[in-house]
Amino acid sequence: MHCVFYYTGPPFVILEFVPHGDLLGYLKKSKGETDDYYNLRSAEVPQKIPTQQLYKFASDIARGMEFIAAHQVSCI
């Protein structure tokens, strides 16, 4: 999904809905640990995340951080 619009105020970040909550909580739940931040009992989380998927998470995070650094995005 892409969107282009002109706005003179501060930038917005539009993210997709993540049914399992944040990544840290998802990883904790996949290891059988409790995540007290979100109460998502109905969301099913795999008990073992494949190593390839963990590498993809790390790669996606690194690419996002690289983009933020390259474009000098200030995060609040």
PDB file of N, CA and C in Angstrom:
ATOM      1  N   MET A   1       0.850  -1.156   0.000  1.00  0.00           N
ATOM      2  CA  MET A   1       0.000   0.000   0.000  1.00  0.00           C
ATOM      3  C   MET A   1       0.907   1.233   0.000  1.00  0.00           C
ATOM      4  N   HIS A   2       0.612   2.182  -0.848  1.00  0.00           N
ATOM      5  CA  HIS A   2       1.363   3.421  -0.917  1.00  0.00           C
ATOM      6  C   HIS A   2       0.392   4.589  -0.899  1.00  0.00           C
ATOM      7  N   CYS A   3       0.856   5.684  -0.365  1.00  0.00           N
ATOM      8  CA  CYS A   3       0.014   6.865  -0.290  1.00  0.00           C
ATOM      9  C   CYS A   3       0.904   8.091  -0.419  1.00  0.00           C
ATOM     10  N   VAL A   4       0.496   9.036  -1.218  1.00  0.00           N
ATOM     11  CA  VAL A   4       1.235  10.284  -1.371  1.00  0.00           C
ATOM     12  C   VAL A   4       0.265  11.429  -1.104  1.00  0.00           C
ATOM     13  N   PHE A   5       0.667  12.325  -0.207  1.00  0.00           N
ATOM     14  CA  PHE A   5      -0.152  13.499   0.054  1.00  0.00           C
ATOM     15  C   PHE A   5       0.766  14.618   0.519  1.00  0.00           C
ATOM     16  N   TYR A   6       0.290  15.821   0.445  1.00  0.00           N
ATOM     17  CA  TYR A   6       1.078  16.978   0.841  1.00  0.00           C
ATOM     18  C   TYR A   6       0.516  17.529   2.142  1.00  0.00           C
ATOM     19  N   TYR A   7       1.401  17.678   3.094  1.00  0.00           N
ATOM     20  CA  TYR A   7       1.003  18.093   4.438  1.00  0.00           C
ATOM     21  C   TYR A   7       2.169  18.872   5.019  1.00  0.00           C
ATOM     22  N   THR A   8       1.914  20.009   5.612  1.00  0.00           N
ATOM     23  CA  THR A   8       3.001  20.854   6.105  1.00  0.00           C
ATOM     24  C   THR A   8       3.320  20.633   7.575  1.00  0.00           C
ATOM     25  N   GLY A   9       2.548  19.811   8.259  1.00  0.00           N
ATOM     26  CA  GLY A   9       2.785  19.552   9.679  1.00  0.00           C
ATOM     27  C   GLY A   9       3.818  18.453   9.882  1.00  0.00           C
ATOM     28  N   PRO A  10       3.916  17.947  11.114  1.00  0.00           N
ATOM     29  CA  PRO A  10       4.877  16.879  11.383  1.00  0.00           C
ATOM     30  C   PRO A  10       4.503  15.607  10.630  1.00  0.00           C
ATOM     31  N   PRO A  11       5.493  14.774  10.290  1.00  0.00           N
ATOM     32  CA  PRO A  11       5.195  13.556   9.519  1.00  0.00           C
ATOM     33  C   PRO A  11       4.453  12.524  10.368  1.00  0.00           C
ATOM     34  N   PHE A  12       3.640  11.736   9.707  1.00  0.00           N
ATOM     35  CA  PHE A  12       2.918  10.640  10.337  1.00  0.00           C
ATOM     36  C   PHE A  12       3.499   9.335   9.843  1.00  0.00           C
ATOM     37  N   VAL A  13       3.474   8.336  10.670  1.00  0.00           N
ATOM     38  CA  VAL A  13       3.849   6.993  10.255  1.00  0.00           C
ATOM     39  C   VAL A  13       2.592   6.139  10.300  1.00  0.00           C
ATOM     40  N   ILE A  14       2.269   5.539   9.178  1.00  0.00           N
ATOM     41  CA  ILE A  14       1.088   4.692   9.087  1.00  0.00           C
ATOM     42  C   ILE A  14       1.572   3.255   9.017  1.00  0.00           C
ATOM     43  N   LEU A  15       1.167   2.467   9.984  1.00  0.00           N
ATOM     44  CA  LEU A  15       1.601   1.080  10.067  1.00  0.00           C
ATOM     45  C   LEU A  15       0.417   0.151   9.884  1.00  0.00           C
ATOM     46  N   GLU A  16       0.710  -1.043   9.429  1.00  0.00           N
ATOM     47  CA  GLU A  16      -0.349  -2.027   9.308  1.00  0.00           C
ATOM     48  C   GLU A  16      -0.671  -2.614  10.683  1.00  0.00           C
ATOM     49  N   PHE A  17      -1.858  -3.158  10.827  1.00  0.00           N
ATOM     50  CA  PHE A  17      -2.287  -3.777  12.076  1.00  0.00           C
ATOM     51  C   PHE A  17      -1.491  -5.051  12.299  1.00  0.00           C
ATOM     52  N   VAL A  18      -0.991  -5.237  13.510  1.00  0.00           N
ATOM     53  CA  VAL A  18      -0.234  -6.441  13.850  1.00  0.00           C
ATOM     54  C   VAL A  18      -1.023  -7.210  14.915  1.00  0.00           C
ATOM     55  N   PRO A  19      -1.647  -8.308  14.550  1.00  0.00           N
ATOM     56  CA  PRO A  19      -2.545  -8.997  15.473  1.00  0.00           C
ATOM     57  C   PRO A  19      -1.871  -9.582  16.710  1.00  0.00           C
ATOM     58  N   HIS A  20      -0.558  -9.798  16.672  1.00  0.00           N
ATOM     59  CA  HIS A  20       0.146 -10.387  17.813  1.00  0.00           C
ATOM     60  C   HIS A  20       0.811  -9.330  18.683  1.00  0.00           C
ATOM     61  N   GLY A  21       0.529  -8.054  18.458  1.00  0.00           N
ATOM     62  CA  GLY A  21       1.150  -6.997  19.252  1.00  0.00           C
ATOM     63  C   GLY A  21       2.532  -6.644  18.732  1.00  0.00           C
ATOM     64  N   ASP A  22       3.378  -6.136  19.612  1.00  0.00           N
ATOM     65  CA  ASP A  22       4.710  -5.721  19.193  1.00  0.00           C
ATOM     66  C   ASP A  22       5.627  -6.938  19.003  1.00  0.00           C
ATOM     67  N   LEU A  23       6.757  -6.710  18.336  1.00  0.00           N
ATOM     68  CA  LEU A  23       7.669  -7.798  18.011  1.00  0.00           C
ATOM     69  C   LEU A  23       8.240  -8.444  19.269  1.00  0.00           C
ATOM     70  N   LEU A  24       8.611  -7.638  20.261  1.00  0.00           N
ATOM     71  CA  LEU A  24       9.174  -8.204  21.485  1.00  0.00           C
ATOM     72  C   LEU A  24       8.180  -9.144  22.166  1.00  0.00           C
ATOM     73  N   GLY A  25       6.919  -8.713  22.265  1.00  0.00           N
ATOM     74  CA  GLY A  25       5.900  -9.569  22.860  1.00  0.00           C
ATOM     75  C   GLY A  25       5.688 -10.843  22.060  1.00  0.00           C
ATOM     76  N   TYR A  26       5.707 -10.720  20.745  1.00  0.00           N
ATOM     77  CA  TYR A  26       5.545 -11.884  19.865  1.00  0.00           C
ATOM     78  C   TYR A  26       6.679 -12.884  20.092  1.00  0.00           C
ATOM     79  N   LEU A  27       7.907 -12.375  20.182  1.00  0.00           N
ATOM     80  CA  LEU A  27       9.051 -13.257  20.404  1.00  0.00           C
ATOM     81  C   LEU A  27       8.991 -13.900  21.790  1.00  0.00           C
ATOM     82  N   LYS A  28       8.588 -13.126  22.789  1.00  0.00           N
ATOM     83  CA  LYS A  28       8.462 -13.691  24.141  1.00  0.00           C
ATOM     84  C   LYS A  28       7.424 -14.811  24.169  1.00  0.00           C
ATOM     85  N   LYS A  29       6.267 -14.551  23.540  1.00  0.00           N
ATOM     86  CA  LYS A  29       5.203 -15.560  23.543  1.00  0.00           C
ATOM     87  C   LYS A  29       5.621 -16.812  22.780  1.00  0.00           C
ATOM     88  N   SER A  30       6.431 -16.643  21.738  1.00  0.00           N
ATOM     89  CA  SER A  30       6.873 -17.806  20.969  1.00  0.00           C
ATOM     90  C   SER A  30       7.835 -18.669  21.773  1.00  0.00           C
ATOM     91  N   LYS A  31       8.485 -18.078  22.785  1.00  0.00           N
ATOM     92  CA  LYS A  31       9.384 -18.833  23.655  1.00  0.00           C
ATOM     93  C   LYS A  31       8.661 -19.370  24.884  1.00  0.00           C
ATOM     94  N   GLY A  32       7.351 -19.113  24.969  1.00  0.00           N
ATOM     95  CA  GLY A  32       6.575 -19.587  26.099  1.00  0.00           C
ATOM     96  C   GLY A  32       6.578 -18.638  27.285  1.00  0.00           C
ATOM     97  N   GLU A  33       7.200 -17.460  27.127  1.00  0.00           N
ATOM     98  CA  GLU A  33       7.219 -16.471  28.203  1.00  0.00           C
ATOM     99  C   GLU A  33       5.938 -15.642  28.152  1.00  0.00           C
ATOM    100  N   THR A  34       5.629 -14.986  29.246  1.00  0.00           N
ATOM    101  CA  THR A  34       4.438 -14.144  29.264  1.00  0.00           C
ATOM    102  C   THR A  34       4.795 -12.732  28.816  1.00  0.00           C
ATOM    103  N   ASP A  35       3.837 -12.108  28.182  1.00  0.00           N
ATOM    104  CA  ASP A  35       3.982 -10.719  27.744  1.00  0.00           C
ATOM    105  C   ASP A  35       2.859  -9.938  28.407  1.00  0.00           C
ATOM    106  N   ASP A  36       3.202  -9.170  29.411  1.00  0.00           N
ATOM    107  CA  ASP A  36       2.197  -8.451  30.186  1.00  0.00           C
ATOM    108  C   ASP A  36       1.724  -7.163  29.510  1.00  0.00           C
ATOM    109  N   TYR A  37       2.391  -6.732  28.462  1.00  0.00           N
ATOM    110  CA  TYR A  37       2.032  -5.465  27.827  1.00  0.00           C
ATOM    111  C   TYR A  37       0.710  -5.571  27.077  1.00  0.00           C
ATOM    112  N   TYR A  38       0.555  -6.648  26.328  1.00  0.00           N
ATOM    113  CA  TYR A  38      -0.687  -6.866  25.584  1.00  0.00           C
ATOM    114  C   TYR A  38      -1.387  -8.092  26.141  1.00  0.00           C
ATOM    115  N   ASN A  39      -2.694  -8.053  26.155  1.00  0.00           N
ATOM    116  CA  ASN A  39      -3.475  -9.200  26.602  1.00  0.00           C
ATOM    117  C   ASN A  39      -4.178  -9.776  25.378  1.00  0.00           C
ATOM    118  N   LEU A  40      -3.462 -10.554  24.602  1.00  0.00           N
ATOM    119  CA  LEU A  40      -4.001 -11.105  23.357  1.00  0.00           C
ATOM    120  C   LEU A  40      -4.097 -12.621  23.460  1.00  0.00           C
ATOM    121  N   ARG A  41      -4.957 -13.086  24.297  1.00  0.00           N
ATOM    122  CA  ARG A  41      -5.080 -14.525  24.508  1.00  0.00           C
ATOM    123  C   ARG A  41      -5.621 -15.236  23.268  1.00  0.00           C
ATOM    124  N   SER A  42      -6.407 -14.545  22.473  1.00  0.00           N
ATOM    125  CA  SER A  42      -7.008 -15.201  21.313  1.00  0.00           C
ATOM    126  C   SER A  42      -6.035 -15.323  20.140  1.00  0.00           C
ATOM    127  N   ALA A  43      -4.992 -14.529  20.143  1.00  0.00           N
ATOM    128  CA  ALA A  43      -4.041 -14.572  19.034  1.00  0.00           C
ATOM    129  C   ALA A  43      -3.112 -15.771  19.197  1.00  0.00           C
ATOM    130  N   GLU A  44      -3.061 -16.596  18.171  1.00  0.00           N
ATOM    131  CA  GLU A  44      -2.206 -17.771  18.221  1.00  0.00           C
ATOM    132  C   GLU A  44      -0.798 -17.398  17.770  1.00  0.00           C
ATOM    133  N   VAL A  45       0.182 -17.792  18.568  1.00  0.00           N
ATOM    134  CA  VAL A  45       1.581 -17.520  18.263  1.00  0.00           C
ATOM    135  C   VAL A  45       2.280 -18.859  18.127  1.00  0.00           C
ATOM    136  N   PRO A  46       3.079 -19.035  17.083  1.00  0.00           N
ATOM    137  CA  PRO A  46       3.789 -20.313  16.948  1.00  0.00           C
ATOM    138  C   PRO A  46       4.744 -20.527  18.122  1.00  0.00           C
ATOM    139  N   GLN A  47       4.860 -21.761  18.562  1.00  0.00           N
ATOM    140  CA  GLN A  47       5.740 -22.056  19.689  1.00  0.00           C
ATOM    141  C   GLN A  47       7.208 -21.990  19.301  1.00  0.00           C
ATOM    142  N   LYS A  48       7.530 -22.195  18.039  1.00  0.00           N
ATOM    143  CA  LYS A  48       8.917 -22.127  17.591  1.00  0.00           C
ATOM    144  C   LYS A  48       8.957 -21.333  16.293  1.00  0.00           C
ATOM    145  N   ILE A  49       9.613 -20.195  16.318  1.00  0.00           N
ATOM    146  CA  ILE A  49       9.749 -19.388  15.113  1.00  0.00           C
ATOM    147  C   ILE A  49      10.961 -19.902  14.344  1.00  0.00           C
ATOM    148  N   PRO A  50      10.797 -20.212  13.055  1.00  0.00           N
ATOM    149  CA  PRO A  50      11.927 -20.721  12.274  1.00  0.00           C
ATOM    150  C   PRO A  50      13.086 -19.711  12.237  1.00  0.00           C
ATOM    151  N   THR A  51      14.293 -20.224  12.229  1.00  0.00           N
ATOM    152  CA  THR A  51      15.483 -19.377  12.208  1.00  0.00           C
ATOM    153  C   THR A  51      15.463 -18.427  11.018  1.00  0.00           C
ATOM    154  N   GLN A  52      14.998 -18.887   9.869  1.00  0.00           N
ATOM    155  CA  GLN A  52      14.927 -18.035   8.678  1.00  0.00           C
ATOM    156  C   GLN A  52      14.024 -16.825   8.935  1.00  0.00           C
ATOM    157  N   GLN A  53      12.927 -17.022   9.654  1.00  0.00           N
ATOM    158  CA  GLN A  53      12.025 -15.910   9.965  1.00  0.00           C
ATOM    159  C   GLN A  53      12.694 -14.933  10.924  1.00  0.00           C
ATOM    160  N   LEU A  54      13.454 -15.443  11.900  1.00  0.00           N
ATOM    161  CA  LEU A  54      14.171 -14.564  12.827  1.00  0.00           C
ATOM    162  C   LEU A  54      15.196 -13.709  12.079  1.00  0.00           C
ATOM    163  N   TYR A  55      15.889 -14.310  11.112  1.00  0.00           N
ATOM    164  CA  TYR A  55      16.838 -13.547  10.289  1.00  0.00           C
ATOM    165  C   TYR A  55      16.114 -12.476   9.477  1.00  0.00           C
ATOM    166  N   LYS A  56      14.910 -12.799   8.981  1.00  0.00           N
ATOM    167  CA  LYS A  56      14.125 -11.815   8.217  1.00  0.00           C
ATOM    168  C   LYS A  56      13.723 -10.654   9.118  1.00  0.00           C
ATOM    169  N   PHE A  57      13.294 -10.952  10.353  1.00  0.00           N
ATOM    170  CA  PHE A  57      12.982  -9.880  11.304  1.00  0.00           C
ATOM    171  C   PHE A  57      14.185  -8.960  11.474  1.00  0.00           C
ATOM    172  N   ALA A  58      15.359  -9.555  11.722  1.00  0.00           N
ATOM    173  CA  ALA A  58      16.578  -8.775  11.949  1.00  0.00           C
ATOM    174  C   ALA A  58      16.941  -7.946  10.722  1.00  0.00           C
ATOM    175  N   SER A  59      16.813  -8.539   9.542  1.00  0.00           N
ATOM    176  CA  SER A  59      17.132  -7.826   8.302  1.00  0.00           C
ATOM    177  C   SER A  59      16.176  -6.650   8.081  1.00  0.00           C
ATOM    178  N   ASP A  60      14.889  -6.864   8.298  1.00  0.00           N
ATOM    179  CA  ASP A  60      13.902  -5.799   8.123  1.00  0.00           C
ATOM    180  C   ASP A  60      14.159  -4.648   9.100  1.00  0.00           C
ATOM    181  N   ILE A  61      14.485  -4.979  10.338  1.00  0.00           N
ATOM    182  CA  ILE A  61      14.780  -3.945  11.337  1.00  0.00           C
ATOM    183  C   ILE A  61      16.015  -3.160  10.929  1.00  0.00           C
ATOM    184  N   ALA A  62      17.058  -3.862  10.489  1.00  0.00           N
ATOM    185  CA  ALA A  62      18.299  -3.194  10.074  1.00  0.00           C
ATOM    186  C   ALA A  62      18.054  -2.274   8.875  1.00  0.00           C
ATOM    187  N   ARG A  63      17.259  -2.731   7.913  1.00  0.00           N
ATOM    188  CA  ARG A  63      16.966  -1.882   6.752  1.00  0.00           C
ATOM    189  C   ARG A  63      16.171  -0.649   7.157  1.00  0.00           C
ATOM    190  N   GLY A  64      15.240  -0.806   8.092  1.00  0.00           N
ATOM    191  CA  GLY A  64      14.480   0.338   8.585  1.00  0.00           C
ATOM    192  C   GLY A  64      15.370   1.341   9.302  1.00  0.00           C
ATOM    193  N   MET A  65      16.289   0.837  10.120  1.00  0.00           N
ATOM    194  CA  MET A  65      17.214   1.719  10.837  1.00  0.00           C
ATOM    195  C   MET A  65      18.147   2.432   9.855  1.00  0.00           C
ATOM    196  N   GLU A  66      18.570   1.721   8.823  1.00  0.00           N
ATOM    197  CA  GLU A  66      19.427   2.321   7.795  1.00  0.00           C
ATOM    198  C   GLU A  66      18.682   3.453   7.075  1.00  0.00           C
ATOM    199  N   PHE A  67      17.415   3.232   6.759  1.00  0.00           N
ATOM    200  CA  PHE A  67      16.610   4.251   6.105  1.00  0.00           C
ATOM    201  C   PHE A  67      16.475   5.489   6.989  1.00  0.00           C
ATOM    202  N   ILE A  68      16.177   5.264   8.270  1.00  0.00           N
ATOM    203  CA  ILE A  68      16.022   6.379   9.205  1.00  0.00           C
ATOM    204  C   ILE A  68      17.310   7.187   9.300  1.00  0.00           C
ATOM    205  N   ALA A  69      18.448   6.494   9.378  1.00  0.00           N
ATOM    206  CA  ALA A  69      19.734   7.178   9.466  1.00  0.00           C
ATOM    207  C   ALA A  69      20.063   7.937   8.177  1.00  0.00           C
ATOM    208  N   ALA A  70      19.797   7.317   7.034  1.00  0.00           N
ATOM    209  CA  ALA A  70      20.117   7.935   5.749  1.00  0.00           C
ATOM    210  C   ALA A  70      19.273   9.183   5.480  1.00  0.00           C
ATOM    211  N   HIS A  71      18.037   9.186   5.960  1.00  0.00           N
ATOM    212  CA  HIS A  71      17.141  10.307   5.706  1.00  0.00           C
ATOM    213  C   HIS A  71      17.049  11.262   6.903  1.00  0.00           C
ATOM    214  N   GLN A  72      17.877  11.043   7.893  1.00  0.00           N
ATOM    215  CA  GLN A  72      17.944  11.891   9.073  1.00  0.00           C
ATOM    216  C   GLN A  72      16.557  12.138   9.657  1.00  0.00           C
ATOM    217  N   VAL A  73      15.812  11.062   9.804  1.00  0.00           N
ATOM    218  CA  VAL A  73      14.476  11.142  10.380  1.00  0.00           C
ATOM    219  C   VAL A  73      14.620  11.275  11.888  1.00  0.00           C
ATOM    220  N   SER A  74      13.964  12.267  12.451  1.00  0.00           N
ATOM    221  CA  SER A  74      14.005  12.406  13.912  1.00  0.00           C
ATOM    222  C   SER A  74      12.816  11.658  14.492  1.00  0.00           C
ATOM    223  N   CYS A  75      13.095  10.817  15.460  1.00  0.00           N
ATOM    224  CA  CYS A  75      12.044  10.023  16.107  1.00  0.00           C
ATOM    225  C   CYS A  75      11.755  10.607  17.470  1.00  0.00           C
ATOM    226  N   ILE A  76      10.477  10.644  17.794  1.00  0.00           N
ATOM    227  CA  ILE A  76      10.071  11.185  19.098  1.00  0.00           C
ATOM    228  C   ILE A  76       9.544  10.037  19.930  1.00  0.00           C
TER     229      ILE A  76
END
